[in-house]
Amino acid sequence: MQKEYITQGTLNVIKRLKGSRNGNPRYLVEVNGEEFRTQPDAMFGYAVTNYDGKGVLAKVCTYYGKQTITYAQETYLMGDEENDFNYKETPHIYLKMTGRN
């Protein structure tokens, strides 16, 4: 994995992709106008539909040359920047997502 970062926005499931070799689900999703795929054989593939249409803080990276979403934490976006969730103000969630405890 390279170029790992965190993005914020509304997650929308675009479509279900062909499953992995082991039969696990994969999805194409959109967050903030960017498209991401779920990793093959990742547990997050089962959970991603629970976040459809919701505001999320998403951990994304490049995986074998493809933009990939690896984790999402639901946020409560209010629609204006003043009230939007900001991971810099809630470091415990940011640290959990990055694995830096």
PDB file of N, CA and C in Angstrom:
ATOM      1  N   MET A   1       0.835  -1.178   0.000  1.00  0.00           N
ATOM      2  CA  MET A   1       0.000   0.000   0.000  1.00  0.00           C
ATOM      3  C   MET A   1       0.882   1.243   0.000  1.00  0.00           C
ATOM      4  N   GLN A   2       0.455   2.221  -0.760  1.00  0.00           N
ATOM      5  CA  GLN A   2       1.167   3.477  -0.828  1.00  0.00           C
ATOM      6  C   GLN A   2       0.166   4.616  -0.762  1.00  0.00           C
ATOM      7  N   LYS A   3       0.678   5.809  -0.520  1.00  0.00           N
ATOM      8  CA  LYS A   3      -0.141   7.019  -0.548  1.00  0.00           C
ATOM      9  C   LYS A   3      -1.436   6.851   0.254  1.00  0.00           C
ATOM     10  N   GLU A   4      -1.304   6.541   1.512  1.00  0.00           N
ATOM     11  CA  GLU A   4      -2.453   6.352   2.388  1.00  0.00           C
ATOM     12  C   GLU A   4      -2.870   7.710   2.945  1.00  0.00           C
ATOM     13  N   TYR A   5      -4.170   8.009   2.903  1.00  0.00           N
ATOM     14  CA  TYR A   5      -4.667   9.267   3.456  1.00  0.00           C
ATOM     15  C   TYR A   5      -6.102   9.103   3.919  1.00  0.00           C
ATOM     16  N   ILE A   6      -6.604  10.137   4.571  1.00  0.00           N
ATOM     17  CA  ILE A   6      -7.970  10.119   5.091  1.00  0.00           C
ATOM     18  C   ILE A   6      -8.764  11.201   4.381  1.00  0.00           C
ATOM     19  N   THR A   7      -9.967  10.857   3.955  1.00  0.00           N
ATOM     20  CA  THR A   7     -10.845  11.806   3.289  1.00  0.00           C
ATOM     21  C   THR A   7     -12.203  11.797   3.982  1.00  0.00           C
ATOM     22  N   GLN A   8     -12.944  12.854   3.790  1.00  0.00           N
ATOM     23  CA  GLN A   8     -14.237  13.014   4.454  1.00  0.00           C
ATOM     24  C   GLN A   8     -15.292  13.367   3.427  1.00  0.00           C
ATOM     25  N   GLY A   9     -16.476  12.800   3.559  1.00  0.00           N
ATOM     26  CA  GLY A   9     -17.578  13.122   2.662  1.00  0.00           C
ATOM     27  C   GLY A   9     -18.680  12.091   2.770  1.00  0.00           C
ATOM     28  N   THR A  10     -19.615  12.154   1.836  1.00  0.00           N
ATOM     29  CA  THR A  10     -20.713  11.196   1.797  1.00  0.00           C
ATOM     30  C   THR A  10     -20.303  10.005   0.954  1.00  0.00           C
ATOM     31  N   LEU A  11     -20.458   8.802   1.493  1.00  0.00           N
ATOM     32  CA  LEU A  11     -20.109   7.584   0.776  1.00  0.00           C
ATOM     33  C   LEU A  11     -21.334   7.100   0.014  1.00  0.00           C
ATOM     34  N   ASN A  12     -21.159   6.867  -1.278  1.00  0.00           N
ATOM     35  CA  ASN A  12     -22.227   6.327  -2.113  1.00  0.00           C
ATOM     36  C   ASN A  12     -21.729   5.071  -2.795  1.00  0.00           C
ATOM     37  N   VAL A  13     -22.476   3.985  -2.659  1.00  0.00           N
ATOM     38  CA  VAL A  13     -22.130   2.743  -3.341  1.00  0.00           C
ATOM     39  C   VAL A  13     -22.579   2.891  -4.784  1.00  0.00           C
ATOM     40  N   ILE A  14     -21.643   2.787  -5.724  1.00  0.00           N
ATOM     41  CA  ILE A  14     -21.969   2.920  -7.144  1.00  0.00           C
ATOM     42  C   ILE A  14     -22.459   1.583  -7.692  1.00  0.00           C
ATOM     43  N   LYS A  15     -21.689   0.529  -7.476  1.00  0.00           N
ATOM     44  CA  LYS A  15     -22.135  -0.785  -7.927  1.00  0.00           C
ATOM     45  C   LYS A  15     -21.333  -1.878  -7.239  1.00  0.00           C
ATOM     46  N   ARG A  16     -21.898  -3.070  -7.274  1.00  0.00           N
ATOM     47  CA  ARG A  16     -21.191  -4.235  -6.764  1.00  0.00           C
ATOM     48  C   ARG A  16     -20.343  -4.796  -7.898  1.00  0.00           C
ATOM     49  N   LEU A  17     -19.095  -5.053  -7.602  1.00  0.00           N
ATOM     50  CA  LEU A  17     -18.177  -5.603  -8.590  1.00  0.00           C
ATOM     51  C   LEU A  17     -18.178  -7.126  -8.523  1.00  0.00           C
ATOM     52  N   LYS A  18     -17.488  -7.730  -9.465  1.00  0.00           N
ATOM     53  CA  LYS A  18     -17.327  -9.184  -9.443  1.00  0.00           C
ATOM     54  C   LYS A  18     -16.622  -9.564  -8.147  1.00  0.00           C
ATOM     55  N   GLY A  19     -17.079 -10.611  -7.486  1.00  0.00           N
ATOM     56  CA  GLY A  19     -16.488 -11.050  -6.223  1.00  0.00           C
ATOM     57  C   GLY A  19     -15.046 -11.512  -6.392  1.00  0.00           C
ATOM     58  N   SER A  20     -14.361 -11.649  -5.280  1.00  0.00           N
ATOM     59  CA  SER A  20     -12.979 -12.122  -5.303  1.00  0.00           C
ATOM     60  C   SER A  20     -12.942 -13.607  -5.662  1.00  0.00           C
ATOM     61  N   ARG A  21     -11.750 -14.136  -5.826  1.00  0.00           N
ATOM     62  CA  ARG A  21     -11.607 -15.574  -6.123  1.00  0.00           C
ATOM     63  C   ARG A  21     -12.261 -16.436  -5.049  1.00  0.00           C
ATOM     64  N   ASN A  22     -12.252 -15.944  -3.824  1.00  0.00           N
ATOM     65  CA  ASN A  22     -12.824 -16.694  -2.704  1.00  0.00           C
ATOM     66  C   ASN A  22     -14.312 -16.428  -2.503  1.00  0.00           C
ATOM     67  N   GLY A  23     -14.908 -15.620  -3.383  1.00  0.00           N
ATOM     68  CA  GLY A  23     -16.343 -15.375  -3.317  1.00  0.00           C
ATOM     69  C   GLY A  23     -16.756 -14.227  -2.419  1.00  0.00           C
ATOM     70  N   ASN A  24     -15.800 -13.446  -1.934  1.00  0.00           N
ATOM     71  CA  ASN A  24     -16.140 -12.322  -1.059  1.00  0.00           C
ATOM     72  C   ASN A  24     -16.545 -11.106  -1.894  1.00  0.00           C
ATOM     73  N   PRO A  25     -17.471 -10.277  -1.364  1.00  0.00           N
ATOM     74  CA  PRO A  25     -17.989  -9.140  -2.140  1.00  0.00           C
ATOM     75  C   PRO A  25     -16.961  -8.022  -2.318  1.00  0.00           C
ATOM     76  N   ARG A  26     -17.091  -7.323  -3.442  1.00  0.00           N
ATOM     77  CA  ARG A  26     -16.286  -6.132  -3.727  1.00  0.00           C
ATOM     78  C   ARG A  26     -17.235  -5.069  -4.243  1.00  0.00           C
ATOM     79  N   TYR A  27     -16.942  -3.817  -3.935  1.00  0.00           N
ATOM     80  CA  TYR A  27     -17.803  -2.718  -4.343  1.00  0.00           C
ATOM     81  C   TYR A  27     -16.991  -1.571  -4.917  1.00  0.00           C
ATOM     82  N   LEU A  28     -17.637  -0.805  -5.785  1.00  0.00           N
ATOM     83  CA  LEU A  28     -17.109   0.451  -6.276  1.00  0.00           C
ATOM     84  C   LEU A  28     -17.907   1.532  -5.561  1.00  0.00           C
ATOM     85  N   VAL A  29     -17.215   2.403  -4.836  1.00  0.00           N
ATOM     86  CA  VAL A  29     -17.896   3.450  -4.059  1.00  0.00           C
ATOM     87  C   VAL A  29     -17.318   4.816  -4.419  1.00  0.00           C
ATOM     88  N   GLU A  30     -18.051   5.851  -4.037  1.00  0.00           N
ATOM     89  CA  GLU A  30     -17.628   7.218  -4.294  1.00  0.00           C
ATOM     90  C   GLU A  30     -17.671   8.001  -2.983  1.00  0.00           C
ATOM     91  N   VAL A  31     -16.604   8.745  -2.713  1.00  0.00           N
ATOM     92  CA  VAL A  31     -16.547   9.649  -1.563  1.00  0.00           C
ATOM     93  C   VAL A  31     -15.969  10.959  -2.070  1.00  0.00           C
ATOM     94  N   ASN A  32     -16.706  12.050  -1.905  1.00  0.00           N
ATOM     95  CA  ASN A  32     -16.236  13.370  -2.340  1.00  0.00           C
ATOM     96  C   ASN A  32     -15.895  13.425  -3.821  1.00  0.00           C
ATOM     97  N   GLY A  33     -16.626  12.738  -4.658  1.00  0.00           N
ATOM     98  CA  GLY A  33     -16.377  12.772  -6.089  1.00  0.00           C
ATOM     99  C   GLY A  33     -15.256  11.867  -6.561  1.00  0.00           C
ATOM    100  N   GLU A  34     -14.581  11.186  -5.661  1.00  0.00           N
ATOM    101  CA  GLU A  34     -13.514  10.247  -6.025  1.00  0.00           C
ATOM    102  C   GLU A  34     -14.054   8.824  -5.921  1.00  0.00           C
ATOM    103  N   GLU A  35     -13.662   7.974  -6.863  1.00  0.00           N
ATOM    104  CA  GLU A  35     -14.103   6.581  -6.847  1.00  0.00           C
ATOM    105  C   GLU A  35     -13.041   5.689  -6.221  1.00  0.00           C
ATOM    106  N   PHE A  36     -13.506   4.744  -5.420  1.00  0.00           N
ATOM    107  CA  PHE A  36     -12.634   3.791  -4.739  1.00  0.00           C
ATOM    108  C   PHE A  36     -13.231   2.400  -4.842  1.00  0.00           C
ATOM    109  N   ARG A  37     -12.376   1.381  -4.768  1.00  0.00           N
ATOM    110  CA  ARG A  37     -12.802  -0.008  -4.725  1.00  0.00           C
ATOM    111  C   ARG A  37     -12.520  -0.549  -3.334  1.00  0.00           C
ATOM    112  N   THR A  38     -13.289  -1.540  -2.925  1.00  0.00           N
ATOM    113  CA  THR A  38     -12.943  -2.227  -1.684  1.00  0.00           C
ATOM    114  C   THR A  38     -11.874  -3.261  -2.010  1.00  0.00           C
ATOM    115  N   GLN A  39     -11.043  -3.585  -1.037  1.00  0.00           N
ATOM    116  CA  GLN A  39      -9.988  -4.571  -1.241  1.00  0.00           C
ATOM    117  C   GLN A  39     -10.581  -5.964  -1.428  1.00  0.00           C
ATOM    118  N   PRO A  40      -9.936  -6.803  -2.253  1.00  0.00           N
ATOM    119  CA  PRO A  40     -10.411  -8.176  -2.360  1.00  0.00           C
ATOM    120  C   PRO A  40     -10.193  -8.918  -1.045  1.00  0.00           C
ATOM    121  N   ASP A  41     -11.143  -9.734  -0.668  1.00  0.00           N
ATOM    122  CA  ASP A  41     -11.077 -10.565   0.538  1.00  0.00           C
ATOM    123  C   ASP A  41     -10.932  -9.770   1.835  1.00  0.00           C
ATOM    124  N   ALA A  42     -11.353  -8.522   1.823  1.00  0.00           N
ATOM    125  CA  ALA A  42     -11.304  -7.708   3.039  1.00  0.00           C
ATOM    126  C   ALA A  42     -12.671  -7.729   3.720  1.00  0.00           C
ATOM    127  N   MET A  43     -12.666  -7.738   5.025  1.00  0.00           N
ATOM    128  CA  MET A  43     -13.909  -7.759   5.788  1.00  0.00           C
ATOM    129  C   MET A  43     -14.742  -6.498   5.534  1.00  0.00           C
ATOM    130  N   PHE A  44     -14.086  -5.398   5.198  1.00  0.00           N
ATOM    131  CA  PHE A  44     -14.802  -4.148   4.953  1.00  0.00           C
ATOM    132  C   PHE A  44     -15.781  -4.274   3.776  1.00  0.00           C
ATOM    133  N   GLY A  45     -15.547  -5.203   2.855  1.00  0.00           N
ATOM    134  CA  GLY A  45     -16.465  -5.424   1.745  1.00  0.00           C
ATOM    135  C   GLY A  45     -17.869  -5.794   2.199  1.00  0.00           C
ATOM    136  N   TYR A  46     -17.966  -6.436   3.345  1.00  0.00           N
ATOM    137  CA  TYR A  46     -19.275  -6.801   3.894  1.00  0.00           C
ATOM    138  C   TYR A  46     -19.953  -5.619   4.586  1.00  0.00           C
ATOM    139  N   ALA A  47     -19.179  -4.672   5.077  1.00  0.00           N
ATOM    140  CA  ALA A  47     -19.722  -3.570   5.863  1.00  0.00           C
ATOM    141  C   ALA A  47     -19.993  -2.303   5.055  1.00  0.00           C
ATOM    142  N   VAL A  48     -19.395  -2.171   3.889  1.00  0.00           N
ATOM    143  CA  VAL A  48     -19.457  -0.912   3.155  1.00  0.00           C
ATOM    144  C   VAL A  48     -20.886  -0.474   2.831  1.00  0.00           C
ATOM    145  N   THR A  49     -21.795  -1.398   2.591  1.00  0.00           N
ATOM    146  CA  THR A  49     -23.170  -1.017   2.262  1.00  0.00           C
ATOM    147  C   THR A  49     -23.891  -0.389   3.459  1.00  0.00           C
ATOM    148  N   ASN A  50     -23.412  -0.606   4.659  1.00  0.00           N
ATOM    149  CA  ASN A  50     -24.017   0.021   5.845  1.00  0.00           C
ATOM    150  C   ASN A  50     -23.782   1.529   5.867  1.00  0.00           C
ATOM    151  N   TYR A  51     -22.794   2.012   5.116  1.00  0.00           N
ATOM    152  CA  TYR A  51     -22.453   3.429   5.101  1.00  0.00           C
ATOM    153  C   TYR A  51     -23.015   4.152   3.883  1.00  0.00           C
ATOM    154  N   ASP A  52     -23.768   3.473   3.032  1.00  0.00           N
ATOM    155  CA  ASP A  52     -24.295   4.075   1.805  1.00  0.00           C
ATOM    156  C   ASP A  52     -25.168   5.283   2.123  1.00  0.00           C
ATOM    157  N   GLY A  53     -24.819   6.419   1.541  1.00  0.00           N
ATOM    158  CA  GLY A  53     -25.579   7.654   1.731  1.00  0.00           C
ATOM    159  C   GLY A  53     -25.274   8.383   3.024  1.00  0.00           C
ATOM    160  N   LYS A  54     -24.298   7.919   3.787  1.00  0.00           N
ATOM    161  CA  LYS A  54     -23.972   8.539   5.071  1.00  0.00           C
ATOM    162  C   LYS A  54     -22.645   9.289   4.997  1.00  0.00           C
ATOM    163  N   GLY A  55     -22.497  10.259   5.861  1.00  0.00           N
ATOM    164  CA  GLY A  55     -21.243  10.991   5.967  1.00  0.00           C
ATOM    165  C   GLY A  55     -20.207  10.124   6.656  1.00  0.00           C
ATOM    166  N   VAL A  56     -19.018  10.039   6.077  1.00  0.00           N
ATOM    167  CA  VAL A  56     -17.974   9.188   6.636  1.00  0.00           C
ATOM    168  C   VAL A  56     -16.626   9.896   6.637  1.00  0.00           C
ATOM    169  N   LEU A  57     -15.781   9.409   7.492  1.00  0.00           N
ATOM    170  CA  LEU A  57     -14.363   9.702   7.487  1.00  0.00           C
ATOM    171  C   LEU A  57     -13.749   8.406   6.973  1.00  0.00           C
ATOM    172  N   ALA A  58     -13.121   8.429   5.801  1.00  0.00           N
ATOM    173  CA  ALA A  58     -12.675   7.199   5.142  1.00  0.00           C
ATOM    174  C   ALA A  58     -11.161   7.145   5.023  1.00  0.00           C
ATOM    175  N   LYS A  59     -10.617   5.963   5.281  1.00  0.00           N
ATOM    176  CA  LYS A  59      -9.186   5.711   5.108  1.00  0.00           C
ATOM    177  C   LYS A  59      -9.019   5.066   3.739  1.00  0.00           C
ATOM    178  N   VAL A  60      -8.238   5.717   2.874  1.00  0.00           N
ATOM    179  CA  VAL A  60      -8.062   5.235   1.511  1.00  0.00           C
ATOM    180  C   VAL A  60      -6.577   5.146   1.172  1.00  0.00           C
ATOM    181  N   CYS A  61      -6.260   4.345   0.166  1.00  0.00           N
ATOM    182  CA  CYS A  61      -4.871   4.171  -0.243  1.00  0.00           C
ATOM    183  C   CYS A  61      -4.829   3.692  -1.691  1.00  0.00           C
ATOM    184  N   THR A  62      -3.622   3.560  -2.205  1.00  0.00           N
ATOM    185  CA  THR A  62      -3.422   2.965  -3.523  1.00  0.00           C
ATOM    186  C   THR A  62      -2.995   1.528  -3.287  1.00  0.00           C
ATOM    187  N   TYR A  63      -3.734   0.590  -3.859  1.00  0.00           N
ATOM    188  CA  TYR A  63      -3.481  -0.841  -3.679  1.00  0.00           C
ATOM    189  C   TYR A  63      -3.344  -1.448  -5.062  1.00  0.00           C
ATOM    190  N   TYR A  64      -2.161  -1.897  -5.405  1.00  0.00           N
ATOM    191  CA  TYR A  64      -1.866  -2.430  -6.738  1.00  0.00           C
ATOM    192  C   TYR A  64      -2.315  -1.468  -7.841  1.00  0.00           C
ATOM    193  N   GLY A  65      -2.047  -0.189  -7.636  1.00  0.00           N
ATOM    194  CA  GLY A  65      -2.345   0.826  -8.645  1.00  0.00           C
ATOM    195  C   GLY A  65      -3.781   1.297  -8.697  1.00  0.00           C
ATOM    196  N   LYS A  66      -4.638   0.830  -7.797  1.00  0.00           N
ATOM    197  CA  LYS A  66      -6.053   1.230  -7.792  1.00  0.00           C
ATOM    198  C   LYS A  66      -6.380   1.968  -6.502  1.00  0.00           C
ATOM    199  N   GLN A  67      -7.200   2.995  -6.622  1.00  0.00           N
ATOM    200  CA  GLN A  67      -7.669   3.725  -5.451  1.00  0.00           C
ATOM    201  C   GLN A  67      -8.567   2.798  -4.639  1.00  0.00           C
ATOM    202  N   THR A  68      -8.226   2.577  -3.366  1.00  0.00           N
ATOM    203  CA  THR A  68      -8.905   1.583  -2.544  1.00  0.00           C
ATOM    204  C   THR A  68      -9.339   2.183  -1.217  1.00  0.00           C
ATOM    205  N   ILE A  69     -10.543   1.853  -0.780  1.00  0.00           N
ATOM    206  CA  ILE A  69     -11.028   2.265   0.535  1.00  0.00           C
ATOM    207  C   ILE A  69     -10.855   1.076   1.481  1.00  0.00           C
ATOM    208  N   THR A  70     -10.259   1.339   2.640  1.00  0.00           N
ATOM    209  CA  THR A  70      -9.966   0.247   3.563  1.00  0.00           C
ATOM    210  C   THR A  70     -10.747   0.330   4.871  1.00  0.00           C
ATOM    211  N   TYR A  71     -11.302   1.510   5.185  1.00  0.00           N
ATOM    212  CA  TYR A  71     -11.993   1.679   6.462  1.00  0.00           C
ATOM    213  C   TYR A  71     -12.884   2.909   6.375  1.00  0.00           C
ATOM    214  N   ALA A  72     -13.985   2.918   7.089  1.00  0.00           N
ATOM    215  CA  ALA A  72     -14.846   4.099   7.174  1.00  0.00           C
ATOM    216  C   ALA A  72     -15.415   4.212   8.576  1.00  0.00           C
ATOM    217  N   GLN A  73     -15.509   5.426   9.041  1.00  0.00           N
ATOM    218  CA  GLN A  73     -16.105   5.739  10.343  1.00  0.00           C
ATOM    219  C   GLN A  73     -17.231   6.725  10.071  1.00  0.00           C
ATOM    220  N   GLU A  74     -18.439   6.410  10.487  1.00  0.00           N
ATOM    221  CA  GLU A  74     -19.574   7.299  10.242  1.00  0.00           C
ATOM    222  C   GLU A  74     -19.392   8.604  10.993  1.00  0.00           C
ATOM    223  N   THR A  75     -19.697   9.696  10.313  1.00  0.00           N
ATOM    224  CA  THR A  75     -19.669  11.021  10.921  1.00  0.00           C
ATOM    225  C   THR A  75     -21.039  11.641  10.717  1.00  0.00           C
ATOM    226  N   TYR A  76     -21.271  12.715  11.367  1.00  0.00           N
ATOM    227  CA  TYR A  76     -22.554  13.388  11.261  1.00  0.00           C
ATOM    228  C   TYR A  76     -22.323  14.751  10.651  1.00  0.00           C
ATOM    229  N   LEU A  77     -22.304  14.788   9.322  1.00  0.00           N
ATOM    230  CA  LEU A  77     -22.058  16.030   8.600  1.00  0.00           C
ATOM    231  C   LEU A  77     -23.316  16.892   8.636  1.00  0.00           C
ATOM    232  N   MET A  78     -23.143  18.149   8.961  1.00  0.00           N
ATOM    233  CA  MET A  78     -24.270  19.054   9.089  1.00  0.00           C
ATOM    234  C   MET A  78     -24.538  19.849   7.817  1.00  0.00           C
ATOM    235  N   GLY A  79     -23.638  19.770   6.846  1.00  0.00           N
ATOM    236  CA  GLY A  79     -23.864  20.465   5.585  1.00  0.00           C
ATOM    237  C   GLY A  79     -23.127  21.781   5.455  1.00  0.00           C
ATOM    238  N   ASP A  80     -22.542  22.275   6.526  1.00  0.00           N
ATOM    239  CA  ASP A  80     -21.740  23.482   6.402  1.00  0.00           C
ATOM    240  C   ASP A  80     -20.406  23.262   7.099  1.00  0.00           C
ATOM    241  N   GLU A  81     -19.381  23.913   6.604  1.00  0.00           N
ATOM    242  CA  GLU A  81     -18.030  23.665   7.086  1.00  0.00           C
ATOM    243  C   GLU A  81     -17.867  23.925   8.580  1.00  0.00           C
ATOM    244  N   GLU A  82     -18.619  24.856   9.106  1.00  0.00           N
ATOM    245  CA  GLU A  82     -18.485  25.203  10.519  1.00  0.00           C
ATOM    246  C   GLU A  82     -18.842  24.026  11.429  1.00  0.00           C
ATOM    247  N   ASN A  83     -19.814  23.221  11.028  1.00  0.00           N
ATOM    248  CA  ASN A  83     -20.265  22.108  11.853  1.00  0.00           C
ATOM    249  C   ASN A  83     -19.777  20.750  11.379  1.00  0.00           C
ATOM    250  N   ASP A  84     -19.046  20.708  10.262  1.00  0.00           N
ATOM    251  CA  ASP A  84     -18.574  19.428   9.741  1.00  0.00           C
ATOM    252  C   ASP A  84     -17.612  18.760  10.702  1.00  0.00           C
ATOM    253  N   PHE A  85     -17.627  17.456  10.688  1.00  0.00           N
ATOM    254  CA  PHE A  85     -16.702  16.661  11.497  1.00  0.00           C
ATOM    255  C   PHE A  85     -15.278  16.963  11.060  1.00  0.00           C
ATOM    256  N   ASN A  86     -14.393  17.148  12.010  1.00  0.00           N
ATOM    257  CA  ASN A  86     -13.005  17.458  11.691  1.00  0.00           C
ATOM    258  C   ASN A  86     -12.121  16.508  12.477  1.00  0.00           C
ATOM    259  N   TYR A  87     -11.388  15.641  11.795  1.00  0.00           N
ATOM    260  CA  TYR A  87     -10.593  14.640  12.502  1.00  0.00           C
ATOM    261  C   TYR A  87      -9.464  15.254  13.312  1.00  0.00           C
ATOM    262  N   LYS A  88      -9.073  16.487  12.998  1.00  0.00           N
ATOM    263  CA  LYS A  88      -8.023  17.138  13.791  1.00  0.00           C
ATOM    264  C   LYS A  88      -8.539  17.511  15.181  1.00  0.00           C
ATOM    265  N   GLU A  89      -9.855  17.711  15.305  1.00  0.00           N
ATOM    266  CA  GLU A  89     -10.441  18.049  16.593  1.00  0.00           C
ATOM    267  C   GLU A  89     -10.815  16.803  17.391  1.00  0.00           C
ATOM    268  N   THR A  90     -10.788  15.656  16.774  1.00  0.00           N
ATOM    269  CA  THR A  90     -11.111  14.400  17.453  1.00  0.00           C
ATOM    270  C   THR A  90      -9.979  13.410  17.199  1.00  0.00           C
ATOM    271  N   PRO A  91      -8.840  13.642  17.815  1.00  0.00           N
ATOM    272  CA  PRO A  91      -7.662  12.824  17.507  1.00  0.00           C
ATOM    273  C   PRO A  91      -7.815  11.358  17.860  1.00  0.00           C
ATOM    274  N   HIS A  92      -8.694  11.001  18.800  1.00  0.00           N
ATOM    275  CA  HIS A  92      -8.836   9.586  19.153  1.00  0.00           C
ATOM    276  C   HIS A  92      -9.345   8.762  17.971  1.00  0.00           C
ATOM    277  N   ILE A  93     -10.236   9.313  17.143  1.00  0.00           N
ATOM    278  CA  ILE A  93     -10.715   8.585  15.968  1.00  0.00           C
ATOM    279  C   ILE A  93      -9.621   8.543  14.913  1.00  0.00           C
ATOM    280  N   TYR A  94      -8.916   9.657  14.715  1.00  0.00           N
ATOM    281  CA  TYR A  94      -7.828   9.690  13.738  1.00  0.00           C
ATOM    282  C   TYR A  94      -6.747   8.684  14.108  1.00  0.00           C
ATOM    283  N   LEU A  95      -6.402   8.610  15.382  1.00  0.00           N
ATOM    284  CA  LEU A  95      -5.369   7.675  15.816  1.00  0.00           C
ATOM    285  C   LEU A  95      -5.820   6.233  15.634  1.00  0.00           C
ATOM    286  N   LYS A  96      -7.093   5.953  15.900  1.00  0.00           N
ATOM    287  CA  LYS A  96      -7.617   4.600  15.719  1.00  0.00           C
ATOM    288  C   LYS A  96      -7.531   4.202  14.243  1.00  0.00           C
ATOM    289  N   MET A  97      -7.860   5.120  13.348  1.00  0.00           N
ATOM    290  CA  MET A  97      -7.853   4.821  11.927  1.00  0.00           C
ATOM    291  C   MET A  97      -6.445   4.638  11.381  1.00  0.00           C
ATOM    292  N   THR A  98      -5.489   5.364  11.899  1.00  0.00           N
ATOM    293  CA  THR A  98      -4.133   5.275  11.381  1.00  0.00           C
ATOM    294  C   THR A  98      -3.297   4.234  12.109  1.00  0.00           C
ATOM    295  N   GLY A  99      -3.817   3.716  13.236  1.00  0.00           N
ATOM    296  CA  GLY A  99      -3.083   2.723  13.983  1.00  0.00           C
ATOM    297  C   GLY A  99      -1.990   3.315  14.854  1.00  0.00           C
ATOM    298  N   ARG A 100      -2.039   4.616  15.045  1.00  0.00           N
ATOM    299  CA  ARG A 100      -1.038   5.306  15.868  1.00  0.00           C
ATOM    300  C   ARG A 100      -1.614   5.565  17.261  1.00  0.00           C
ATOM    301  N   ASN A 101      -1.484   4.621  18.136  1.00  0.00           N
ATOM    302  CA  ASN A 101      -2.054   4.776  19.485  1.00  0.00           C
ATOM    303  C   ASN A 101      -1.116   5.442  20.418  1.00  0.00           C
TER     304      ASN A 101
END
